[in-house]
Amino acid sequence: MSYLKYTGEDYAADDALIAECPVTRDWWARTDPCRQPLDGIGDGEWWAPAEVVFHLD
C-alpha cells in the first residue's frame, strides 16, 4: 500500500509535467503491470481516499 500527499495548486498540470519525463514514462511502463487497482474506484484511476490512521509527528 502507498499514499500520495499533494501540496501544489494544480494537480492536473503538475501531473502532466511529470508525464512528459521519458524516465518516468519508462518506469510506468515497467511497473504498471505490477499494480492492481482497489475495488470501488473509477476506471483508469489508481488512487482512492484513505482514512488517516496515525501520524509520525
N, C-alpha and C. Protein backbone atom coordinates (compact mmCIF):
# COMPACT_ATOMS: atom_id res chain seq x y z
N MET A 1 0.85 -1.17 0.00
CA MET A 1 0.00 0.00 0.00
C MET A 1 0.89 1.23 0.00
N SER A 2 0.43 2.27 -0.62
CA SER A 2 1.16 3.54 -0.63
C SER A 2 0.14 4.67 -0.57
N TYR A 3 0.63 5.89 -0.44
CA TYR A 3 -0.26 7.04 -0.43
C TYR A 3 0.41 8.18 -1.17
N LEU A 4 -0.41 9.14 -1.53
CA LEU A 4 0.06 10.33 -2.23
C LEU A 4 -0.42 11.54 -1.47
N LYS A 5 0.51 12.42 -1.13
CA LYS A 5 0.14 13.69 -0.49
C LYS A 5 0.59 14.80 -1.43
N TYR A 6 -0.35 15.49 -2.01
CA TYR A 6 -0.06 16.55 -2.98
C TYR A 6 -0.13 17.90 -2.28
N THR A 7 0.89 18.74 -2.47
CA THR A 7 0.92 20.04 -1.81
C THR A 7 0.97 21.21 -2.78
N GLY A 8 0.76 20.94 -4.07
CA GLY A 8 0.78 22.02 -5.06
C GLY A 8 -0.57 22.70 -5.18
N GLU A 9 -0.75 23.39 -6.29
CA GLU A 9 -2.00 24.12 -6.52
C GLU A 9 -2.76 23.64 -7.74
N ASP A 10 -2.11 22.92 -8.66
CA ASP A 10 -2.77 22.46 -9.88
C ASP A 10 -2.30 21.04 -10.18
N TYR A 11 -2.96 20.06 -9.59
CA TYR A 11 -2.54 18.67 -9.70
C TYR A 11 -2.49 18.21 -11.16
N ALA A 12 -3.50 18.53 -11.94
CA ALA A 12 -3.55 18.07 -13.33
C ALA A 12 -2.35 18.60 -14.13
N ALA A 13 -2.02 19.87 -13.94
CA ALA A 13 -0.89 20.45 -14.66
C ALA A 13 0.43 19.85 -14.19
N ASP A 14 0.59 19.67 -12.89
CA ASP A 14 1.81 19.09 -12.37
C ASP A 14 1.96 17.63 -12.81
N ASP A 15 0.86 16.91 -12.82
CA ASP A 15 0.87 15.51 -13.26
C ASP A 15 1.26 15.42 -14.74
N ALA A 16 0.77 16.35 -15.54
CA ALA A 16 1.12 16.37 -16.96
C ALA A 16 2.61 16.64 -17.16
N LEU A 17 3.19 17.51 -16.34
CA LEU A 17 4.63 17.77 -16.42
C LEU A 17 5.44 16.52 -16.07
N ILE A 18 5.01 15.81 -15.05
CA ILE A 18 5.69 14.57 -14.66
C ILE A 18 5.62 13.57 -15.80
N ALA A 19 4.47 13.47 -16.44
CA ALA A 19 4.26 12.50 -17.51
C ALA A 19 5.10 12.80 -18.75
N GLU A 20 5.64 14.01 -18.88
CA GLU A 20 6.49 14.36 -20.02
C GLU A 20 7.90 13.78 -19.88
N CYS A 21 8.29 13.37 -18.70
CA CYS A 21 9.64 12.87 -18.45
C CYS A 21 9.80 11.46 -19.02
N PRO A 22 10.76 11.24 -19.94
CA PRO A 22 10.94 9.92 -20.53
C PRO A 22 11.30 8.84 -19.51
N VAL A 23 12.07 9.20 -18.48
CA VAL A 23 12.44 8.22 -17.46
C VAL A 23 11.20 7.79 -16.67
N THR A 24 10.33 8.75 -16.36
CA THR A 24 9.09 8.43 -15.66
C THR A 24 8.21 7.53 -16.51
N ARG A 25 8.08 7.85 -17.79
CA ARG A 25 7.26 7.00 -18.67
C ARG A 25 7.82 5.59 -18.77
N ASP A 26 9.14 5.45 -18.81
CA ASP A 26 9.75 4.13 -18.82
C ASP A 26 9.45 3.38 -17.51
N TRP A 27 9.56 4.09 -16.39
CA TRP A 27 9.26 3.48 -15.09
C TRP A 27 7.81 2.99 -15.05
N TRP A 28 6.89 3.82 -15.50
CA TRP A 28 5.47 3.43 -15.51
C TRP A 28 5.25 2.21 -16.39
N ALA A 29 5.91 2.16 -17.54
CA ALA A 29 5.75 1.02 -18.44
C ALA A 29 6.24 -0.28 -17.77
N ARG A 30 7.27 -0.16 -16.96
CA ARG A 30 7.81 -1.34 -16.28
C ARG A 30 6.99 -1.74 -15.05
N THR A 31 6.44 -0.76 -14.34
CA THR A 31 5.78 -1.06 -13.07
C THR A 31 4.27 -1.16 -13.14
N ASP A 32 3.64 -0.56 -14.14
CA ASP A 32 2.16 -0.62 -14.23
C ASP A 32 1.62 -2.05 -14.21
N PRO A 33 2.26 -3.01 -14.87
CA PRO A 33 1.73 -4.37 -14.81
C PRO A 33 1.75 -4.97 -13.39
N CYS A 34 2.51 -4.38 -12.49
CA CYS A 34 2.60 -4.89 -11.11
C CYS A 34 1.53 -4.30 -10.21
N ARG A 35 0.87 -3.26 -10.65
CA ARG A 35 -0.12 -2.58 -9.80
C ARG A 35 -1.50 -3.18 -10.02
N GLN A 36 -2.28 -3.18 -8.96
CA GLN A 36 -3.66 -3.67 -9.02
C GLN A 36 -4.55 -2.61 -8.39
N PRO A 37 -5.52 -2.08 -9.15
CA PRO A 37 -6.39 -1.04 -8.58
C PRO A 37 -7.29 -1.60 -7.49
N LEU A 38 -7.65 -0.74 -6.56
CA LEU A 38 -8.56 -1.12 -5.48
C LEU A 38 -9.97 -1.28 -5.99
N ASP A 39 -10.75 -2.11 -5.33
CA ASP A 39 -12.17 -2.23 -5.66
C ASP A 39 -12.87 -0.92 -5.34
N GLY A 40 -13.82 -0.55 -6.15
CA GLY A 40 -14.64 0.61 -5.88
C GLY A 40 -14.13 1.93 -6.41
N ILE A 41 -12.99 1.95 -7.11
CA ILE A 41 -12.54 3.21 -7.70
C ILE A 41 -12.90 3.21 -9.18
N GLY A 42 -12.90 4.37 -9.79
CA GLY A 42 -13.30 4.50 -11.18
C GLY A 42 -12.32 3.88 -12.16
N ASP A 43 -12.79 3.59 -13.34
CA ASP A 43 -11.92 3.04 -14.39
C ASP A 43 -10.78 4.01 -14.69
N GLY A 44 -9.59 3.49 -14.80
CA GLY A 44 -8.43 4.31 -15.12
C GLY A 44 -7.86 5.07 -13.94
N GLU A 45 -8.43 4.92 -12.75
CA GLU A 45 -7.93 5.60 -11.56
C GLU A 45 -7.07 4.66 -10.74
N TRP A 46 -6.06 5.22 -10.08
CA TRP A 46 -5.17 4.41 -9.25
C TRP A 46 -5.29 4.75 -7.78
N TRP A 47 -5.77 5.92 -7.46
CA TRP A 47 -5.79 6.39 -6.08
C TRP A 47 -7.20 6.41 -5.53
N ALA A 48 -7.34 6.15 -4.25
CA ALA A 48 -8.62 6.19 -3.56
C ALA A 48 -8.41 6.87 -2.22
N PRO A 49 -9.42 7.56 -1.72
CA PRO A 49 -9.27 8.20 -0.40
C PRO A 49 -8.99 7.15 0.68
N ALA A 50 -8.18 7.51 1.64
CA ALA A 50 -7.86 6.60 2.73
C ALA A 50 -8.00 7.34 4.06
N GLU A 51 -8.39 6.61 5.06
CA GLU A 51 -8.53 7.17 6.41
C GLU A 51 -7.14 7.33 7.03
N VAL A 52 -6.89 8.46 7.65
CA VAL A 52 -5.63 8.66 8.37
C VAL A 52 -5.69 7.82 9.65
N VAL A 53 -4.71 6.96 9.81
CA VAL A 53 -4.71 6.07 10.98
C VAL A 53 -3.76 6.59 12.05
N PHE A 54 -2.59 7.08 11.68
CA PHE A 54 -1.64 7.62 12.65
C PHE A 54 -0.69 8.58 11.95
N HIS A 55 -0.04 9.39 12.74
CA HIS A 55 0.98 10.34 12.25
C HIS A 55 2.29 10.04 12.95
N LEU A 56 3.39 10.31 12.30
CA LEU A 56 4.70 10.14 12.89
C LEU A 56 5.31 11.50 13.26
N ASP A 57 4.44 12.42 13.64
CA ASP A 57 4.91 13.78 14.01
C ASP A 57 5.64 13.76 15.33
